[in-house]
């Protein structure tokens, strides 16, 4: 089955970085699998997704935490978790 964003029962959006235009893109419609795949594209590891003749990669390159976009879409409460690298400990035994 191929799902479109409009088939999702809840509101959905994802962010990508549009390499062709050099700007972030907000997606609220389109093929769900393709947009999610584009939003996870890590440069150098996975090739960009082509959509409408434009190259799309992970939106985190230009907007890592798109709270401004969520607010613009009418979201009142935003919860997120910030993951940080923990310094490794080494011992010389």
C-alpha atoms as a PDB file:
ATOM      1  CA  UNK A   1       0.000   0.000   0.000  1.00  0.00           C
ATOM      2  CA  UNK A   2       1.137   3.529  -0.732  1.00  0.00           C
ATOM      3  CA  UNK A   3      -0.153   6.148   1.688  1.00  0.00           C
ATOM      4  CA  UNK A   4      -0.505   9.845   1.032  1.00  0.00           C
ATOM      5  CA  UNK A   5      -0.256  12.370   3.844  1.00  0.00           C
ATOM      6  CA  UNK A   6      -3.989  13.074   3.436  1.00  0.00           C
ATOM      7  CA  UNK A   7      -4.688   9.441   4.429  1.00  0.00           C
ATOM      8  CA  UNK A   8      -3.171   9.977   7.888  1.00  0.00           C
ATOM      9  CA  UNK A   9      -5.892  10.437  10.486  1.00  0.00           C
ATOM     10  CA  UNK A  10      -3.962  13.076  12.402  1.00  0.00           C
ATOM     11  CA  UNK A  11      -2.305  16.241  11.197  1.00  0.00           C
ATOM     12  CA  UNK A  12       1.131  15.540   9.803  1.00  0.00           C
ATOM     13  CA  UNK A  13       4.000  17.610   8.533  1.00  0.00           C
ATOM     14  CA  UNK A  14       7.670  17.083   8.003  1.00  0.00           C
ATOM     15  CA  UNK A  15      10.603  19.338   7.231  1.00  0.00           C
ATOM     16  CA  UNK A  16      13.171  18.859   4.524  1.00  0.00           C
ATOM     17  CA  UNK A  17      16.068  20.928   3.290  1.00  0.00           C
ATOM     18  CA  UNK A  18      15.623  21.730  -0.388  1.00  0.00           C
ATOM     19  CA  UNK A  19      19.118  21.568  -1.888  1.00  0.00           C
ATOM     20  CA  UNK A  20      17.922  22.950  -5.214  1.00  0.00           C
ATOM     21  CA  UNK A  21      16.586  26.173  -3.705  1.00  0.00           C
ATOM     22  CA  UNK A  22      18.826  26.255  -0.621  1.00  0.00           C
ATOM     23  CA  UNK A  23      15.946  26.653   1.833  1.00  0.00           C
ATOM     24  CA  UNK A  24      13.807  24.639   4.244  1.00  0.00           C
ATOM     25  CA  UNK A  25      10.564  23.126   2.950  1.00  0.00           C
ATOM     26  CA  UNK A  26       7.467  22.234   4.972  1.00  0.00           C
ATOM     27  CA  UNK A  27       5.402  19.319   3.645  1.00  0.00           C
ATOM     28  CA  UNK A  28       1.770  18.777   4.621  1.00  0.00           C
ATOM     29  CA  UNK A  29       0.753  16.776   1.539  1.00  0.00           C
ATOM     30  CA  UNK A  30       2.361  14.246  -0.758  1.00  0.00           C
ATOM     31  CA  UNK A  31       3.499  10.632  -0.554  1.00  0.00           C
ATOM     32  CA  UNK A  32       4.081   9.849   3.110  1.00  0.00           C
ATOM     33  CA  UNK A  33       6.882   7.309   2.562  1.00  0.00           C
ATOM     34  CA  UNK A  34       8.756   9.642   0.240  1.00  0.00           C
ATOM     35  CA  UNK A  35       8.553  12.678   2.532  1.00  0.00           C
ATOM     36  CA  UNK A  36       9.572  10.705   5.618  1.00  0.00           C
ATOM     37  CA  UNK A  37      12.459   9.164   3.656  1.00  0.00           C
ATOM     38  CA  UNK A  38      13.558  12.633   2.486  1.00  0.00           C
ATOM     39  CA  UNK A  39      13.366  14.010   6.031  1.00  0.00           C
ATOM     40  CA  UNK A  40      15.792  11.293   7.182  1.00  0.00           C
ATOM     41  CA  UNK A  41      18.370  11.708   4.418  1.00  0.00           C
ATOM     42  CA  UNK A  42      21.869  12.159   5.801  1.00  0.00           C
ATOM     43  CA  UNK A  43      24.214  13.729   3.249  1.00  0.00           C
ATOM     44  CA  UNK A  44      27.001  11.370   2.238  1.00  0.00           C
ATOM     45  CA  UNK A  45      25.251   8.322   3.662  1.00  0.00           C
ATOM     46  CA  UNK A  46      21.934   8.191   1.789  1.00  0.00           C
ATOM     47  CA  UNK A  47      21.197   9.879  -1.566  1.00  0.00           C
ATOM     48  CA  UNK A  48      18.738  12.820  -1.637  1.00  0.00           C
ATOM     49  CA  UNK A  49      15.123  12.263  -2.626  1.00  0.00           C
ATOM     50  CA  UNK A  50      13.917  13.830  -5.867  1.00  0.00           C
ATOM     51  CA  UNK A  51      10.485  15.435  -5.679  1.00  0.00           C
ATOM     52  CA  UNK A  52       9.181  17.697  -8.435  1.00  0.00           C
ATOM     53  CA  UNK A  53      12.670  18.037  -9.919  1.00  0.00           C
ATOM     54  CA  UNK A  54      14.147  19.219  -6.616  1.00  0.00           C
ATOM     55  CA  UNK A  55      16.587  17.460  -4.276  1.00  0.00           C
ATOM     56  CA  UNK A  56      15.412  17.005  -0.676  1.00  0.00           C
ATOM     57  CA  UNK A  57      17.401  15.985   2.408  1.00  0.00           C
ATOM     58  CA  UNK A  58      16.894  16.047   6.189  1.00  0.00           C
ATOM     59  CA  UNK A  59      15.270  19.276   7.340  1.00  0.00           C
ATOM     60  CA  UNK A  60      17.469  19.372  10.432  1.00  0.00           C
ATOM     61  CA  UNK A  61      20.292  20.904   8.435  1.00  0.00           C
ATOM     62  CA  UNK A  62      18.420  24.236   8.342  1.00  0.00           C
ATOM     63  CA  UNK A  63      15.766  23.885  11.078  1.00  0.00           C
ATOM     64  CA  UNK A  64      16.599  21.226  13.642  1.00  0.00           C
ATOM     65  CA  UNK A  65      13.631  21.913  15.936  1.00  0.00           C
ATOM     66  CA  UNK A  66      10.820  23.442  13.826  1.00  0.00           C
ATOM     67  CA  UNK A  67       8.764  24.847  16.710  1.00  0.00           C
ATOM     68  CA  UNK A  68       8.106  27.983  14.636  1.00  0.00           C
ATOM     69  CA  UNK A  69       6.578  25.821  11.911  1.00  0.00           C
ATOM     70  CA  UNK A  70       4.476  23.898  14.435  1.00  0.00           C
ATOM     71  CA  UNK A  71       3.177  27.148  15.917  1.00  0.00           C
ATOM     72  CA  UNK A  72       2.344  28.379  12.413  1.00  0.00           C
ATOM     73  CA  UNK A  73       0.324  25.198  11.850  1.00  0.00           C
ATOM     74  CA  UNK A  74      -1.710  25.843  15.008  1.00  0.00           C
ATOM     75  CA  UNK A  75       0.061  23.616  17.541  1.00  0.00           C
ATOM     76  CA  UNK A  76      -0.350  25.006  21.078  1.00  0.00           C
ATOM     77  CA  UNK A  77       1.882  22.661  23.083  1.00  0.00           C
ATOM     78  CA  UNK A  78       5.211  21.304  21.893  1.00  0.00           C
ATOM     79  CA  UNK A  79       7.101  18.637  23.856  1.00  0.00           C
ATOM     80  CA  UNK A  80      10.557  17.534  22.833  1.00  0.00           C
ATOM     81  CA  UNK A  81      13.575  15.757  24.225  1.00  0.00           C
ATOM     82  CA  UNK A  82      17.060  17.093  23.692  1.00  0.00           C
ATOM     83  CA  UNK A  83      19.630  14.341  23.393  1.00  0.00           C
ATOM     84  CA  UNK A  84      23.210  15.218  24.191  1.00  0.00           C
ATOM     85  CA  UNK A  85      26.357  13.216  23.854  1.00  0.00           C
ATOM     86  CA  UNK A  86      27.659  12.011  27.202  1.00  0.00           C
ATOM     87  CA  UNK A  87      31.399  12.279  27.609  1.00  0.00           C
ATOM     88  CA  UNK A  88      32.977   8.845  27.727  1.00  0.00           C
ATOM     89  CA  UNK A  89      35.048   7.866  30.695  1.00  0.00           C
ATOM     90  CA  UNK A  90      38.272   5.962  30.286  1.00  0.00           C
ATOM     91  CA  UNK A  91      40.368   4.418  32.951  1.00  0.00           C
ATOM     92  CA  UNK A  92      43.956   3.276  32.832  1.00  0.00           C
ATOM     93  CA  UNK A  93      43.933   0.026  34.752  1.00  0.00           C
END
